[in-house]
Amino acid sequence: MKKEFLVVVADGAHIPFRKGTFSSIVCLDVLEHVPEWKDLLKEANRVLMEGGHLILTTPCRYHILPFSGSSINLKPVWLGTNC
């Protein structure tokens, strides 16, 4: 059975999908490379379904300062750190 899928390349701060499109988003070791990482998180939150999951990692939790002052409800779970 042949399966097809769509590959989309886009700026993380301007994801070309409607609000609430995804039930899960995975972002692995990316945020520490993005100068406007707050915009990326806001946009991920926009395209995430209510109650959806954003799974992200960074090499060191201290690279990303606490994100406050928005409607994004982050519930971090630290699985370990190399810092």
C-alpha atoms as a PDB file:
ATOM      1  CA  MET A   1       0.000   0.000   0.000  1.00  0.00           C
ATOM      2  CA  LYS A   2       1.449   3.332  -1.051  1.00  0.00           C
ATOM      3  CA  LYS A   3       1.157   6.089   1.554  1.00  0.00           C
ATOM      4  CA  GLU A   4       1.474   9.737   0.689  1.00  0.00           C
ATOM      5  CA  PHE A   5       2.194  12.677   2.954  1.00  0.00           C
ATOM      6  CA  LEU A   6       2.696  16.369   2.611  1.00  0.00           C
ATOM      7  CA  VAL A   7       6.011  18.016   3.487  1.00  0.00           C
ATOM      8  CA  VAL A   8       5.771  21.716   4.314  1.00  0.00           C
ATOM      9  CA  VAL A   9       8.805  23.949   4.855  1.00  0.00           C
ATOM     10  CA  ALA A  10       7.889  27.129   6.709  1.00  0.00           C
ATOM     11  CA  ASP A  11       9.089  29.757   9.155  1.00  0.00           C
ATOM     12  CA  GLY A  12       8.214  28.563  12.657  1.00  0.00           C
ATOM     13  CA  ALA A  13       6.844  31.994  13.499  1.00  0.00           C
ATOM     14  CA  HIS A  14       4.418  31.804  10.522  1.00  0.00           C
ATOM     15  CA  ILE A  15       3.082  28.245  10.284  1.00  0.00           C
ATOM     16  CA  PRO A  16       0.760  27.973   7.246  1.00  0.00           C
ATOM     17  CA  PHE A  17      -2.030  26.017   8.949  1.00  0.00           C
ATOM     18  CA  ARG A  18      -5.313  27.016  10.561  1.00  0.00           C
ATOM     19  CA  LYS A  19      -5.759  27.494  14.289  1.00  0.00           C
ATOM     20  CA  GLY A  20      -6.190  24.180  16.099  1.00  0.00           C
ATOM     21  CA  THR A  21      -4.914  21.989  13.252  1.00  0.00           C
ATOM     22  CA  PHE A  22      -2.595  19.694  15.214  1.00  0.00           C
ATOM     23  CA  SER A  23      -3.102  17.476  18.250  1.00  0.00           C
ATOM     24  CA  SER A  24       0.663  17.227  18.813  1.00  0.00           C
ATOM     25  CA  ILE A  25       3.747  19.179  17.794  1.00  0.00           C
ATOM     26  CA  VAL A  26       7.317  17.933  18.253  1.00  0.00           C
ATOM     27  CA  CYS A  27      10.197  20.431  18.393  1.00  0.00           C
ATOM     28  CA  LEU A  28      13.538  18.820  19.256  1.00  0.00           C
ATOM     29  CA  ASP A  29      16.629  20.906  20.057  1.00  0.00           C
ATOM     30  CA  VAL A  30      15.468  23.879  17.987  1.00  0.00           C
ATOM     31  CA  LEU A  31      14.528  26.750  20.324  1.00  0.00           C
ATOM     32  CA  GLU A  32      18.088  27.558  21.344  1.00  0.00           C
ATOM     33  CA  HIS A  33      18.831  28.323  17.670  1.00  0.00           C
ATOM     34  CA  VAL A  34      15.866  30.653  17.130  1.00  0.00           C
ATOM     35  CA  PRO A  35      16.374  34.315  18.100  1.00  0.00           C
ATOM     36  CA  GLU A  36      12.594  34.940  18.191  1.00  0.00           C
ATOM     37  CA  TRP A  37      11.735  31.713  20.029  1.00  0.00           C
ATOM     38  CA  LYS A  38       8.742  33.319  21.770  1.00  0.00           C
ATOM     39  CA  ASP A  39       7.132  33.871  18.358  1.00  0.00           C
ATOM     40  CA  LEU A  40       7.706  30.219  17.516  1.00  0.00           C
ATOM     41  CA  LEU A  41       6.002  29.134  20.762  1.00  0.00           C
ATOM     42  CA  LYS A  42       3.063  31.482  20.182  1.00  0.00           C
ATOM     43  CA  GLU A  43       2.588  30.120  16.678  1.00  0.00           C
ATOM     44  CA  ALA A  44       2.867  26.512  17.845  1.00  0.00           C
ATOM     45  CA  ASN A  45       0.217  27.290  20.452  1.00  0.00           C
ATOM     46  CA  ARG A  46      -2.031  28.784  17.755  1.00  0.00           C
ATOM     47  CA  VAL A  47      -1.975  25.703  15.514  1.00  0.00           C
ATOM     48  CA  LEU A  48      -2.262  23.289  18.441  1.00  0.00           C
ATOM     49  CA  MET A  49      -5.715  21.895  19.259  1.00  0.00           C
ATOM     50  CA  GLU A  50      -7.115  22.727  22.667  1.00  0.00           C
ATOM     51  CA  GLY A  51      -5.666  20.158  25.047  1.00  0.00           C
ATOM     52  CA  GLY A  52      -2.962  19.252  22.503  1.00  0.00           C
ATOM     53  CA  HIS A  53       0.639  18.470  23.339  1.00  0.00           C
ATOM     54  CA  LEU A  54       3.772  20.415  22.490  1.00  0.00           C
ATOM     55  CA  ILE A  55       6.783  18.184  22.966  1.00  0.00           C
ATOM     56  CA  LEU A  56      10.027  20.104  22.923  1.00  0.00           C
ATOM     57  CA  THR A  57      13.557  19.636  24.083  1.00  0.00           C
ATOM     58  CA  THR A  58      16.571  21.855  24.493  1.00  0.00           C
ATOM     59  CA  PRO A  59      20.094  20.701  25.345  1.00  0.00           C
ATOM     60  CA  CYS A  60      19.972  22.811  28.488  1.00  0.00           C
ATOM     61  CA  ARG A  61      16.822  24.077  30.192  1.00  0.00           C
ATOM     62  CA  TYR A  62      18.581  27.311  31.161  1.00  0.00           C
ATOM     63  CA  HIS A  63      19.029  28.363  27.522  1.00  0.00           C
ATOM     64  CA  ILE A  64      15.359  29.331  27.423  1.00  0.00           C
ATOM     65  CA  LEU A  65      14.179  31.881  29.950  1.00  0.00           C
ATOM     66  CA  PRO A  66      10.755  31.396  31.567  1.00  0.00           C
ATOM     67  CA  PHE A  67       8.014  32.300  29.121  1.00  0.00           C
ATOM     68  CA  SER A  68       5.468  34.589  30.699  1.00  0.00           C
ATOM     69  CA  GLY A  69       3.088  37.344  29.752  1.00  0.00           C
ATOM     70  CA  SER A  70       0.996  35.374  27.285  1.00  0.00           C
ATOM     71  CA  SER A  71      -1.902  32.985  27.136  1.00  0.00           C
ATOM     72  CA  ILE A  72       0.378  29.999  26.551  1.00  0.00           C
ATOM     73  CA  ASN A  73       0.070  27.510  29.381  1.00  0.00           C
ATOM     74  CA  LEU A  74       3.374  25.647  29.534  1.00  0.00           C
ATOM     75  CA  LYS A  75       3.735  22.744  31.927  1.00  0.00           C
ATOM     76  CA  PRO A  76       7.417  21.815  31.740  1.00  0.00           C
ATOM     77  CA  VAL A  77       8.567  18.353  32.674  1.00  0.00           C
ATOM     78  CA  TRP A  78      12.313  18.117  33.107  1.00  0.00           C
ATOM     79  CA  LEU A  79      13.501  14.637  32.148  1.00  0.00           C
ATOM     80  CA  GLY A  80      17.085  15.504  32.900  1.00  0.00           C
ATOM     81  CA  THR A  81      19.705  18.033  31.983  1.00  0.00           C
ATOM     82  CA  ASN A  82      23.301  18.113  30.921  1.00  0.00           C
ATOM     83  CA  CYS A  83      23.832  21.557  32.447  1.00  0.00           C
END
